[in-house]
Amino acid sequence: MATQINQSLMSNGKKQLIAVLLILALGVGAGAYLMRTDKPKDDDGHGHGAAAHSDAKAGDHKAHAGHSDAEGKEVTPTKGPKGGKLFVEAGYGLEMTIFETGVAPEFRIYTYKDGKPVAPNLSKVTATIQRLGRKPQEFIFAPERDYLKAKGTVEEPHSFAVQIFARYDGKPYTFDYEQVEARITLTDAQMKSSGVEVAAVGPASIKSMLQLTGEVGLNQDRSVQVVPRLTGLVESVSVNVGDRVRRGQILAVVSSQTLADQRSELQASSKRLAMARSTFDREKKLWEEKISAQQDYLQAQQVMQEAEIAEQLARQKLASLGALTSSAGRLTSYEIRSPIDGAITSKKISVGEVVKDDAHIFTVADLSTVWVDLNIYAKDLNTIKTGQKATIRSTAFEASAAGTVSYVGALIGNQTRTAPARIVLPNPQGIWHPGLPVTVELVADEVTVPMAISVDALQTLRDAPVVFGRYGDHFEARPVGTGRSDGKMVEITQGLEVGEKYAARNSYVVKADIGKASASHDH
């Protein structure tokens, strides 16, 4: 009886074990089926799956060093026989180079099978590069001699992520890599501490400037040559060159016999006039009282009128000389006075010498305004107009001022082949001295351009003009073409896009950091 019970228990245990094993087997099978149905499928003809497409999004510059989606394993590039990046997978080799000897930079690809070169026409290759802040750029390769050549130029800098799609012997291959050049990373905090400021590329008004040279001169409309107007002996001189004088101020005193004669004539004329008036008054009274004849009255009137004319003539002679009054009652003393407010710029008179009536003994100039004299070449005459604003800068010291073109000559000199022009320059502080050489900037033309940047943003890298674009936390060099400039803004003809951010101030800091980083020119 016991034996039967034991056999029954053993039979039930085996049945339970078999049931557990069946359940486990069903679970493993279901899991395997689910894994097969969830496996991602390749979605293009290159075997470049969804994961690879995710990595290729614009602006994503992760370093996929030689990744191959065809077999799902990494292919690390090495240096190839042509000095480029060599990728090898399943015996198929592809070497990517950038060739720029005597030509614009271009992609060239060499292909191999089991380490031996194969004809380029046996492979079909395209490549896509992604730069910071730019749309992807595709290159199509065509056979040429022993390599595949891409259509299009590989612009500098050669800093980008690259994906290569190749098909050989019916099999797809995908390789990707990244190379970085002329790029640094600066956070906002680092930019602030370095004084680097960012601006956006946009339209601007560019003023074309005409550079000229000139010389400061006296304002001839406010400059006077002082002459004695009488010959005489110089008794005293009260001013020197550089002295500021007021209108009517005595500059010198001259003793003149001619002046004494004229003053004596005035005195005599005045006395004759007084006597003639007295006689006229007496004769008039006698005629009115019927005591004397009318003829005597009329004769006295004529004599008085002649005396008046003589006295007026003598007075006007002295008035024209400014010598109606004499110094200390001396008839020979002639005071030479300043005709205007200004400064003594020339003095040619000394005590004790005899001066002639037409000698230029002083030059008095009002220096509150000066002239800047220019010589304009014929080719520039059409750009110079009266009323035009100009900026004048000293070549001897740091000073600048704004003036206005007041005159442009109508004739061109036979010898110089230039026409004269003049700028009126305010000089309230007296810093613009006659004879001072200056440079003059005139606005020749003004035009609005679609793209312009600050002049301070331009730097030179590898002997070419560049601007450092801002992309996230990165600055990267962008070679640019430039056009017109007014010294503050410069037109950009190529290399940047409207709205693109760039290092506008202290861009030399970015250049120095790139130099420290020793960014390679990786080909």
Protein backbone atom coordinates (compact mmCIF):
# COMPACT_ATOMS: atom_id res chain seq x y z
CA MET A 1 0.00 0.00 0.00
CA ALA A 2 2.84 2.41 0.86
CA THR A 3 4.54 1.55 -2.43
CA GLN A 4 1.44 2.55 -4.41
CA ILE A 5 1.22 5.93 -2.61
CA ASN A 6 4.86 6.74 -3.37
CA GLN A 7 4.44 5.92 -7.03
CA SER A 8 1.35 8.15 -7.18
CA LEU A 9 3.25 11.12 -5.66
CA MET A 10 6.18 10.73 -8.06
CA SER A 11 3.78 10.67 -11.00
CA ASN A 12 2.08 13.93 -9.86
CA GLY A 13 5.53 15.70 -9.37
CA LYS A 14 6.63 14.87 -12.88
CA LYS A 15 3.41 16.30 -14.29
CA GLN A 16 3.90 19.57 -12.34
CA LEU A 17 7.53 19.90 -13.53
CA ILE A 18 6.51 19.40 -17.14
CA ALA A 19 3.83 22.08 -16.79
CA VAL A 20 6.35 24.60 -15.37
CA LEU A 21 8.79 23.89 -18.20
CA LEU A 22 6.04 24.42 -20.78
CA ILE A 23 5.13 27.80 -19.26
CA LEU A 24 8.78 28.93 -19.30
CA ALA A 25 9.18 27.88 -22.91
CA LEU A 26 6.08 29.82 -23.94
CA GLY A 27 7.42 32.97 -22.16
CA VAL A 28 10.79 32.80 -23.90
CA GLY A 29 9.13 32.36 -27.30
CA ALA A 30 6.83 35.32 -26.77
CA GLY A 31 9.77 37.52 -25.74
CA ALA A 32 11.76 36.54 -28.81
CA TYR A 33 8.78 37.36 -31.02
CA LEU A 34 8.34 40.79 -29.43
CA MET A 35 12.05 41.56 -29.85
CA ARG A 36 11.89 40.72 -33.55
CA THR A 37 8.82 42.90 -34.16
CA ASP A 38 10.41 45.97 -32.30
CA LYS A 39 13.69 45.88 -34.26
CA PRO A 40 14.10 49.20 -36.28
CA LYS A 41 14.20 48.93 -40.05
CA ASP A 42 16.58 50.77 -42.37
CA ASP A 43 14.68 53.70 -43.94
CA ASP A 44 16.91 54.59 -46.85
CA GLY A 45 18.88 52.94 -49.58
CA HIS A 46 22.19 53.54 -47.79
CA GLY A 47 21.34 51.43 -44.76
CA HIS A 48 21.34 54.69 -42.73
CA GLY A 49 18.79 53.99 -40.02
CA ALA A 50 16.76 56.15 -37.68
CA ALA A 51 19.57 56.42 -35.16
CA ALA A 52 21.92 57.83 -37.77
CA HIS A 53 19.30 60.33 -38.94
CA SER A 54 18.86 61.50 -35.39
CA ASP A 55 22.59 62.21 -35.20
CA ALA A 56 22.48 64.14 -38.47
CA LYS A 57 20.09 66.86 -37.28
CA ALA A 58 21.13 70.44 -38.10
CA GLY A 59 23.57 71.88 -35.58
CA ASP A 60 24.27 68.48 -33.87
CA HIS A 61 28.06 68.18 -34.05
CA LYS A 62 28.70 65.03 -32.05
CA ALA A 63 31.83 63.20 -33.17
CA HIS A 64 30.60 60.01 -34.86
CA ALA A 65 34.12 58.90 -35.73
CA GLY A 66 33.63 56.59 -38.70
CA HIS A 67 30.28 55.12 -37.69
CA SER A 68 28.95 52.51 -40.18
CA ASP A 69 25.23 51.69 -40.09
CA ALA A 70 25.51 48.93 -42.67
CA GLU A 71 26.84 46.42 -40.13
CA GLY A 72 25.96 48.29 -36.93
CA LYS A 73 29.53 48.72 -35.77
CA GLU A 74 32.08 51.55 -35.43
CA VAL A 75 34.70 52.13 -38.12
CA THR A 76 37.50 54.40 -36.89
CA PRO A 77 39.29 56.38 -39.64
CA THR A 78 43.03 56.19 -40.01
CA LYS A 79 45.41 58.14 -42.21
CA GLY A 80 45.23 56.91 -45.75
CA PRO A 81 47.86 56.71 -48.52
CA LYS A 82 46.75 60.13 -49.84
CA GLY A 83 46.94 61.74 -46.42
CA GLY A 84 43.18 61.77 -45.90
CA LYS A 85 40.78 59.99 -43.55
CA LEU A 86 40.61 56.29 -44.40
CA PHE A 87 37.56 54.21 -43.49
CA VAL A 88 37.65 50.41 -43.98
CA GLU A 89 34.72 48.06 -43.52
CA ALA A 90 34.40 44.47 -44.67
CA GLY A 91 37.35 44.91 -46.99
CA TYR A 92 35.92 48.04 -48.64
CA GLY A 93 38.03 51.17 -48.09
CA LEU A 94 37.14 54.86 -48.66
CA GLU A 95 39.64 57.70 -48.20
CA MET A 96 38.25 61.26 -47.86
CA THR A 97 40.60 64.17 -48.67
CA ILE A 98 40.37 67.93 -49.22
CA PHE A 99 42.54 68.98 -52.14
CA GLU A 100 43.43 72.66 -52.61
CA THR A 101 46.80 72.83 -54.40
CA GLY A 102 46.34 75.31 -57.21
CA VAL A 103 42.54 75.02 -57.06
CA ALA A 104 39.69 76.01 -54.79
CA PRO A 105 39.34 73.47 -51.95
CA GLU A 106 37.47 70.35 -53.14
CA PHE A 107 36.58 66.96 -51.76
CA ARG A 108 38.33 63.97 -53.36
CA ILE A 109 37.66 60.33 -52.50
CA TYR A 110 39.87 57.34 -53.24
CA THR A 111 38.39 53.81 -52.98
CA TYR A 112 40.05 50.47 -52.15
CA LYS A 113 39.16 46.78 -51.92
CA ASP A 114 41.23 44.60 -49.65
CA GLY A 115 43.84 47.35 -49.51
CA LYS A 116 44.15 47.76 -53.28
CA PRO A 117 42.85 50.75 -55.29
CA VAL A 118 39.67 50.14 -57.26
CA ALA A 119 38.27 52.10 -60.19
CA PRO A 120 36.35 55.16 -58.98
CA ASN A 121 33.39 54.47 -61.25
CA LEU A 122 32.58 51.30 -59.28
CA SER A 123 31.41 53.39 -56.31
CA LYS A 124 28.54 55.84 -56.03
CA VAL A 125 29.19 58.39 -53.31
CA THR A 126 27.48 61.44 -51.86
CA ALA A 127 28.40 63.41 -48.75
CA THR A 128 26.59 65.90 -46.52
CA ILE A 129 28.34 68.44 -44.36
CA GLN A 130 26.75 70.35 -41.50
CA ARG A 131 28.29 73.62 -40.30
CA LEU A 132 27.37 75.63 -37.24
CA GLY A 133 24.47 77.91 -38.03
CA ARG A 134 24.12 76.75 -41.64
CA LYS A 135 21.83 74.45 -43.60
CA PRO A 136 23.25 71.05 -44.59
CA GLN A 137 25.25 71.09 -47.82
CA GLU A 138 25.28 68.05 -50.09
CA PHE A 139 28.13 67.05 -52.39
CA ILE A 140 27.75 64.62 -55.28
CA PHE A 141 30.89 62.79 -56.42
CA ALA A 142 31.76 61.88 -59.99
CA PRO A 143 34.70 59.77 -61.29
CA GLU A 144 37.76 61.67 -62.45
CA ARG A 145 41.07 59.93 -63.21
CA ASP A 146 41.81 57.71 -60.18
CA TYR A 147 39.47 59.41 -57.70
CA LEU A 148 35.94 60.66 -57.15
CA LYS A 149 35.63 64.45 -57.21
CA ALA A 150 32.84 66.40 -55.50
CA LYS A 151 31.00 69.12 -57.37
CA GLY A 152 31.38 72.38 -55.47
CA THR A 153 33.93 74.19 -53.34
CA VAL A 154 34.62 73.31 -49.72
CA GLU A 155 34.54 76.76 -48.17
CA GLU A 156 36.74 77.74 -45.26
CA PRO A 157 36.88 77.07 -42.41
CA HIS A 158 36.96 73.33 -42.82
CA SER A 159 35.02 72.87 -39.61
CA PHE A 160 31.96 70.64 -39.94
CA ALA A 161 30.34 67.27 -39.35
CA VAL A 162 30.50 64.98 -42.40
CA GLN A 163 28.35 62.01 -43.41
CA ILE A 164 29.46 59.89 -46.36
CA PHE A 165 27.03 57.61 -48.18
CA ALA A 166 28.64 55.05 -50.49
CA ARG A 167 27.45 52.05 -52.49
CA TYR A 168 29.89 49.46 -53.82
CA ASP A 169 29.18 46.05 -55.30
CA GLY A 170 25.51 46.42 -54.37
CA LYS A 171 26.23 47.07 -50.70
CA PRO A 172 25.64 50.38 -48.83
CA TYR A 173 28.21 51.97 -46.56
CA THR A 174 27.83 54.97 -44.29
CA PHE A 175 30.68 56.76 -42.57
CA ASP A 176 30.62 59.96 -40.55
CA TYR A 177 33.16 62.08 -38.73
CA GLU A 178 33.68 65.62 -37.50
CA GLN A 179 36.59 68.04 -37.75
CA VAL A 180 36.83 71.31 -35.85
CA GLU A 181 38.81 74.33 -37.01
CA ALA A 182 39.00 78.03 -35.98
CA ARG A 183 36.43 77.48 -33.23
CA ILE A 184 36.40 78.16 -29.51
CA THR A 185 33.83 77.98 -26.74
CA LEU A 186 33.01 81.06 -24.67
CA THR A 187 30.15 81.21 -22.21
CA ASP A 188 28.18 84.40 -21.64
CA ALA A 189 30.03 84.91 -18.36
CA GLN A 190 33.41 84.56 -20.09
CA MET A 191 32.32 86.98 -22.79
CA LYS A 192 31.30 89.55 -20.19
CA SER A 193 34.60 89.30 -18.34
CA SER A 194 36.54 89.64 -21.62
CA GLY A 195 34.47 92.56 -22.86
CA VAL A 196 33.32 90.70 -25.97
CA GLU A 197 30.03 92.06 -27.27
CA VAL A 198 27.75 90.44 -29.83
CA ALA A 199 25.71 92.17 -32.54
CA ALA A 200 23.56 90.99 -35.44
CA VAL A 201 24.30 91.35 -39.15
CA GLY A 202 21.81 93.72 -40.74
CA PRO A 203 21.27 96.66 -43.10
CA ALA A 204 23.14 99.91 -42.54
CA SER A 205 23.74 103.26 -44.15
CA ILE A 206 27.29 103.42 -45.50
CA LYS A 207 28.85 106.77 -46.21
CA SER A 208 31.57 106.75 -48.85
CA MET A 209 34.28 109.10 -47.62
CA LEU A 210 36.66 111.17 -49.74
CA GLN A 211 40.03 111.70 -48.07
CA LEU A 212 41.82 114.97 -48.81
CA THR A 213 44.71 116.99 -47.40
CA GLY A 214 44.59 120.68 -46.68
CA GLU A 215 46.07 123.53 -44.70
CA VAL A 216 44.55 125.90 -42.20
CA GLY A 217 44.66 129.55 -43.28
CA LEU A 218 43.35 132.90 -42.14
CA ASN A 219 39.76 133.76 -42.81
CA GLN A 220 40.47 136.43 -45.40
CA ASP A 221 37.01 137.89 -44.87
CA ARG A 222 38.00 138.60 -41.28
CA SER A 223 41.66 139.55 -41.75
CA VAL A 224 42.90 143.15 -42.17
CA GLN A 225 46.22 144.58 -43.30
CA VAL A 226 46.85 147.75 -41.26
CA VAL A 227 48.67 150.57 -43.09
CA PRO A 228 49.60 154.01 -41.65
CA ARG A 229 48.01 156.02 -44.50
CA LEU A 230 50.53 158.74 -43.60
CA THR A 231 54.30 158.82 -43.85
CA GLY A 232 55.92 159.46 -40.50
CA LEU A 233 58.35 158.55 -37.75
CA VAL A 234 57.32 155.75 -35.39
CA GLU A 235 57.19 157.09 -31.84
CA SER A 236 55.79 154.04 -30.01
CA VAL A 237 54.46 150.50 -30.59
CA SER A 238 52.16 149.02 -27.96
CA VAL A 239 51.44 145.46 -29.26
CA ASN A 240 53.32 142.37 -30.45
CA VAL A 241 52.52 139.33 -32.57
CA GLY A 242 50.04 137.07 -30.81
CA ASP A 243 48.43 139.82 -28.76
CA ARG A 244 44.65 139.97 -28.84
CA VAL A 245 43.26 143.43 -29.51
CA ARG A 246 39.90 145.14 -29.53
CA ARG A 247 38.49 147.36 -32.22
CA GLY A 248 39.76 150.95 -31.75
CA GLN A 249 42.70 149.91 -29.56
CA ILE A 250 45.90 151.90 -30.18
CA LEU A 251 48.54 149.78 -31.91
CA ALA A 252 51.22 152.42 -32.56
CA VAL A 253 51.83 156.19 -32.60
CA VAL A 254 53.50 157.93 -35.56
CA SER A 255 54.72 161.52 -35.81
CA SER A 256 53.65 162.96 -39.18
CA GLN A 257 54.24 166.46 -40.53
CA THR A 258 51.56 165.88 -43.14
CA LEU A 259 49.07 165.25 -40.38
CA ALA A 260 50.16 168.45 -38.62
CA ASP A 261 49.50 170.41 -41.83
CA GLN A 262 46.04 168.90 -42.18
CA ARG A 263 45.16 169.60 -38.57
CA SER A 264 46.41 173.18 -38.94
CA GLU A 265 44.25 173.51 -42.03
CA LEU A 266 41.22 172.29 -40.08
CA GLN A 267 41.89 174.76 -37.28
CA ALA A 268 42.26 177.62 -39.76
CA SER A 269 39.12 176.56 -41.60
CA SER A 270 37.22 176.43 -38.33
CA LYS A 271 38.32 179.97 -37.41
CA ARG A 272 37.49 181.32 -40.87
CA LEU A 273 34.06 179.68 -40.60
CA ALA A 274 33.46 181.26 -37.19
CA MET A 275 34.37 184.70 -38.53
CA ALA A 276 32.23 184.21 -41.64
CA ARG A 277 29.23 183.27 -39.51
CA SER A 278 29.70 186.33 -37.33
CA THR A 279 29.88 188.60 -40.38
CA PHE A 280 26.82 186.92 -41.88
CA ASP A 281 24.82 187.39 -38.68
CA ARG A 282 25.75 191.10 -38.56
CA GLU A 283 24.97 191.72 -42.22
CA LYS A 284 21.68 189.90 -41.91
CA LYS A 285 20.63 192.06 -38.97
CA LEU A 286 21.65 195.27 -40.75
CA TRP A 287 19.76 194.21 -43.88
CA GLU A 288 16.67 193.37 -41.88
CA GLU A 289 16.87 196.82 -40.23
CA LYS A 290 17.24 198.41 -43.67
CA ILE A 291 20.61 199.80 -42.71
CA SER A 292 22.80 197.97 -45.25
CA ALA A 293 22.14 196.85 -48.77
CA GLN A 294 20.94 193.35 -49.61
CA GLN A 295 24.06 192.84 -51.69
CA ASP A 296 26.24 192.99 -48.60
CA TYR A 297 24.00 190.47 -46.90
CA LEU A 298 24.18 188.03 -49.82
CA GLN A 299 27.93 188.40 -50.11
CA ALA A 300 28.37 187.58 -46.40
CA GLN A 301 26.14 184.53 -46.87
CA GLN A 302 28.29 183.26 -49.74
CA VAL A 303 31.52 183.71 -47.80
CA MET A 304 30.04 181.78 -44.85
CA GLN A 305 28.95 178.89 -47.08
CA GLU A 306 32.39 178.66 -48.67
CA ALA A 307 33.96 178.59 -45.20
CA GLU A 308 31.62 175.77 -44.19
CA ILE A 309 32.63 173.73 -47.23
CA ALA A 310 36.32 174.29 -46.55
CA GLU A 311 35.91 173.31 -42.91
CA GLN A 312 33.94 170.14 -43.80
CA LEU A 313 36.61 169.13 -46.32
CA ALA A 314 39.42 169.55 -43.80
CA ARG A 315 37.44 167.63 -41.18
CA GLN A 316 36.64 164.75 -43.53
CA LYS A 317 40.30 164.42 -44.48
CA LEU A 318 41.22 163.91 -40.85
CA ALA A 319 38.20 161.67 -40.23
CA SER A 320 39.27 159.35 -43.06
CA LEU A 321 42.62 158.99 -41.27
CA GLY A 322 40.99 158.54 -37.89
CA ALA A 323 42.90 161.55 -36.66
CA LEU A 324 40.28 164.12 -35.72
CA THR A 325 41.78 164.30 -32.27
CA SER A 326 45.45 164.60 -31.41
CA SER A 327 47.38 162.94 -28.61
CA ALA A 328 48.24 165.39 -25.83
CA GLY A 329 47.36 168.26 -28.17
CA ARG A 330 50.25 167.49 -30.53
CA LEU A 331 49.39 168.19 -34.14
CA THR A 332 51.95 165.68 -35.48
CA SER A 333 50.84 162.72 -33.33
CA TYR A 334 49.00 160.04 -35.31
CA GLU A 335 47.44 157.10 -33.45
CA ILE A 336 47.14 153.87 -35.48
CA ARG A 337 44.18 151.85 -34.15
CA SER A 338 42.92 148.29 -34.69
CA PRO A 339 40.06 148.19 -37.21
CA ILE A 340 38.55 144.92 -35.82
CA ASP A 341 38.62 142.58 -32.84
CA GLY A 342 41.24 139.90 -33.33
CA ALA A 343 44.83 138.90 -32.88
CA ILE A 344 48.06 140.38 -34.20
CA THR A 345 49.35 137.83 -36.68
CA SER A 346 52.00 140.01 -38.33
CA LYS A 347 54.06 143.04 -37.21
CA LYS A 348 56.47 145.01 -39.41
CA ILE A 349 57.09 148.20 -37.45
CA SER A 350 59.67 149.34 -34.92
CA VAL A 351 60.18 152.48 -32.85
CA GLY A 352 62.37 155.06 -34.57
CA GLU A 353 61.86 153.93 -38.14
CA VAL A 354 60.14 155.94 -40.81
CA VAL A 355 57.12 154.19 -42.31
CA LYS A 356 55.48 154.99 -45.62
CA ASP A 357 51.79 155.63 -45.97
CA ASP A 358 51.18 152.27 -47.81
CA ALA A 359 53.38 149.99 -45.67
CA HIS A 360 51.73 146.84 -44.17
CA ILE A 361 52.76 147.36 -40.59
CA PHE A 362 50.26 144.99 -38.88
CA THR A 363 47.94 142.13 -39.76
CA VAL A 364 44.94 141.79 -37.47
CA ALA A 365 42.89 138.60 -37.91
CA ASP A 366 39.72 137.38 -36.28
CA LEU A 367 40.60 133.74 -35.50
CA SER A 368 37.15 132.74 -34.25
CA THR A 369 36.80 131.15 -37.69
CA VAL A 370 39.53 129.97 -40.07
CA TRP A 371 39.68 128.64 -43.60
CA VAL A 372 40.89 125.20 -44.64
CA ASP A 373 42.28 125.46 -48.16
CA LEU A 374 42.09 122.37 -50.39
CA ASN A 375 43.19 121.39 -53.88
CA ILE A 376 40.62 119.14 -55.57
CA TYR A 377 41.63 116.83 -58.41
CA ALA A 378 39.42 116.89 -61.47
CA LYS A 379 38.11 113.35 -60.86
CA ASP A 380 36.72 114.41 -57.47
CA LEU A 381 35.14 117.71 -58.49
CA ASN A 382 31.68 116.22 -58.98
CA THR A 383 31.64 114.96 -55.38
CA ILE A 384 32.44 118.34 -53.78
CA LYS A 385 29.54 120.77 -53.33
CA THR A 386 29.15 124.02 -51.43
CA GLY A 387 27.33 123.47 -48.15
CA GLN A 388 28.75 119.95 -47.84
CA LYS A 389 29.73 118.84 -44.34
CA ALA A 390 33.31 117.85 -43.69
CA THR A 391 35.39 116.48 -40.82
CA ILE A 392 38.81 118.05 -40.29
CA ARG A 393 41.55 116.28 -38.33
CA SER A 394 44.92 117.62 -37.31
CA THR A 395 48.02 115.71 -38.39
CA ALA A 396 50.07 117.25 -35.57
CA PHE A 397 47.89 116.48 -32.53
CA GLU A 398 44.63 114.79 -31.56
CA ALA A 399 41.90 117.17 -32.61
CA SER A 400 38.95 117.10 -34.97
CA ALA A 401 36.12 119.45 -35.90
CA ALA A 402 33.25 119.80 -38.33
CA GLY A 403 33.17 122.43 -41.04
CA THR A 404 31.25 123.41 -44.17
CA VAL A 405 32.44 123.71 -47.75
CA SER A 406 31.96 127.40 -48.62
CA TYR A 407 33.66 127.62 -52.00
CA VAL A 408 34.67 125.36 -54.91
CA GLY A 409 36.72 126.91 -57.66
CA ALA A 410 35.39 126.91 -61.21
CA LEU A 411 38.79 126.77 -62.90
CA ILE A 412 41.46 124.05 -62.90
CA GLY A 413 45.06 125.21 -62.65
CA ASN A 414 47.25 124.65 -65.68
CA GLN A 415 50.20 123.47 -63.59
CA THR A 416 48.55 121.68 -60.66
CA ARG A 417 45.54 120.33 -62.59
CA THR A 418 43.50 120.95 -59.45
CA ALA A 419 40.75 123.34 -58.44
CA PRO A 420 40.77 125.26 -55.17
CA ALA A 421 38.16 124.64 -52.49
CA ARG A 422 37.60 126.11 -49.08
CA ILE A 423 36.04 125.01 -45.83
CA VAL A 424 34.94 127.44 -43.12
CA LEU A 425 35.98 126.00 -39.77
CA PRO A 426 34.77 127.36 -36.41
CA ASN A 427 37.69 128.00 -34.07
CA PRO A 428 36.25 129.15 -30.73
CA GLN A 429 39.13 127.70 -28.71
CA GLY A 430 41.82 128.97 -31.08
CA ILE A 431 43.40 125.52 -31.54
CA TRP A 432 43.37 125.64 -35.35
CA HIS A 433 46.42 127.71 -36.14
CA PRO A 434 47.04 129.11 -39.64
CA GLY A 435 49.61 127.00 -41.46
CA LEU A 436 48.59 123.75 -39.69
CA PRO A 437 48.38 120.72 -42.07
CA VAL A 438 45.15 118.76 -41.77
CA THR A 439 43.30 115.84 -43.30
CA VAL A 440 39.74 116.32 -44.50
CA GLU A 441 36.98 113.71 -44.82
CA LEU A 442 34.02 114.51 -47.04
CA VAL A 443 30.93 112.37 -47.51
CA ALA A 444 31.09 111.54 -51.21
CA ASP A 445 28.06 109.24 -51.27
CA GLU A 446 25.61 107.56 -48.90
CA VAL A 447 23.91 104.26 -49.64
CA THR A 448 21.98 101.67 -47.64
CA VAL A 449 23.40 98.14 -47.90
CA PRO A 450 21.53 94.95 -46.92
CA MET A 451 24.34 93.51 -44.79
CA ALA A 452 26.87 95.40 -42.72
CA ILE A 453 28.90 94.85 -39.57
CA SER A 454 31.02 96.92 -37.23
CA VAL A 455 34.52 97.61 -38.56
CA ASP A 456 35.90 96.47 -35.19
CA ALA A 457 34.54 92.97 -35.88
CA LEU A 458 36.89 92.40 -38.84
CA GLN A 459 39.99 90.36 -38.11
CA THR A 460 42.58 88.61 -40.26
CA LEU A 461 43.11 84.87 -40.11
CA ARG A 462 45.47 83.07 -42.51
CA ASP A 463 45.84 86.34 -44.43
CA ALA A 464 42.10 86.58 -45.10
CA PRO A 465 39.41 88.81 -43.54
CA VAL A 466 37.17 86.93 -41.12
CA VAL A 467 34.33 87.59 -38.71
CA PHE A 468 33.72 85.41 -35.66
CA GLY A 469 30.13 84.14 -35.76
CA ARG A 470 28.31 83.27 -32.53
CA TYR A 471 26.55 79.87 -32.44
CA GLY A 472 25.31 78.84 -29.03
CA ASP A 473 28.39 78.95 -26.82
CA HIS A 474 30.73 78.71 -29.81
CA PHE A 475 32.58 81.34 -31.82
CA GLU A 476 33.78 80.22 -35.23
CA ALA A 477 35.65 82.11 -37.95
CA ARG A 478 33.70 82.99 -41.06
CA PRO A 479 35.68 84.26 -44.09
CA VAL A 480 33.86 87.25 -45.54
CA GLY A 481 33.86 89.47 -48.58
CA THR A 482 33.74 93.19 -47.84
CA GLY A 483 32.53 96.21 -49.79
CA ARG A 484 32.09 99.85 -48.93
CA SER A 485 33.05 101.25 -45.55
CA ASP A 486 32.80 104.56 -43.75
CA GLY A 487 35.24 103.73 -40.96
CA LYS A 488 32.48 102.63 -38.59
CA MET A 489 30.48 100.09 -40.58
CA VAL A 490 31.60 97.87 -43.45
CA GLU A 491 29.44 96.20 -46.09
CA ILE A 492 29.45 92.39 -46.20
CA THR A 493 29.09 90.90 -49.68
CA GLN A 494 29.48 87.21 -48.76
CA GLY A 495 30.18 84.85 -45.88
CA LEU A 496 27.42 85.93 -43.45
CA GLU A 497 23.63 86.00 -43.37
CA VAL A 498 21.20 88.70 -42.23
CA GLY A 499 20.44 88.28 -38.53
CA GLU A 500 23.55 86.20 -37.85
CA LYS A 501 25.25 87.02 -34.54
CA TYR A 502 28.92 87.97 -34.48
CA ALA A 503 31.62 89.31 -32.14
CA ALA A 504 31.28 93.05 -32.70
CA ARG A 505 33.51 94.42 -29.95
CA ASN A 506 36.83 93.11 -28.67
CA SER A 507 36.82 90.46 -31.40
CA TYR A 508 40.61 90.31 -31.06
CA VAL A 509 40.03 88.41 -27.79
CA VAL A 510 38.30 85.65 -29.76
CA LYS A 511 41.13 85.63 -32.30
CA ALA A 512 43.72 85.34 -29.51
CA ASP A 513 41.85 82.43 -27.92
CA ILE A 514 41.67 80.63 -31.27
CA GLY A 515 45.42 81.13 -31.62
CA LYS A 516 45.98 79.67 -28.14
CA ALA A 517 43.80 76.69 -29.00
CA SER A 518 46.04 76.03 -32.04
CA ALA A 519 43.07 74.98 -34.13
CA SER A 520 44.33 72.68 -36.86
CA HIS A 521 43.71 73.04 -40.57
CA ASP A 522 42.51 69.45 -40.82
CA HIS A 523 42.23 67.94 -44.26
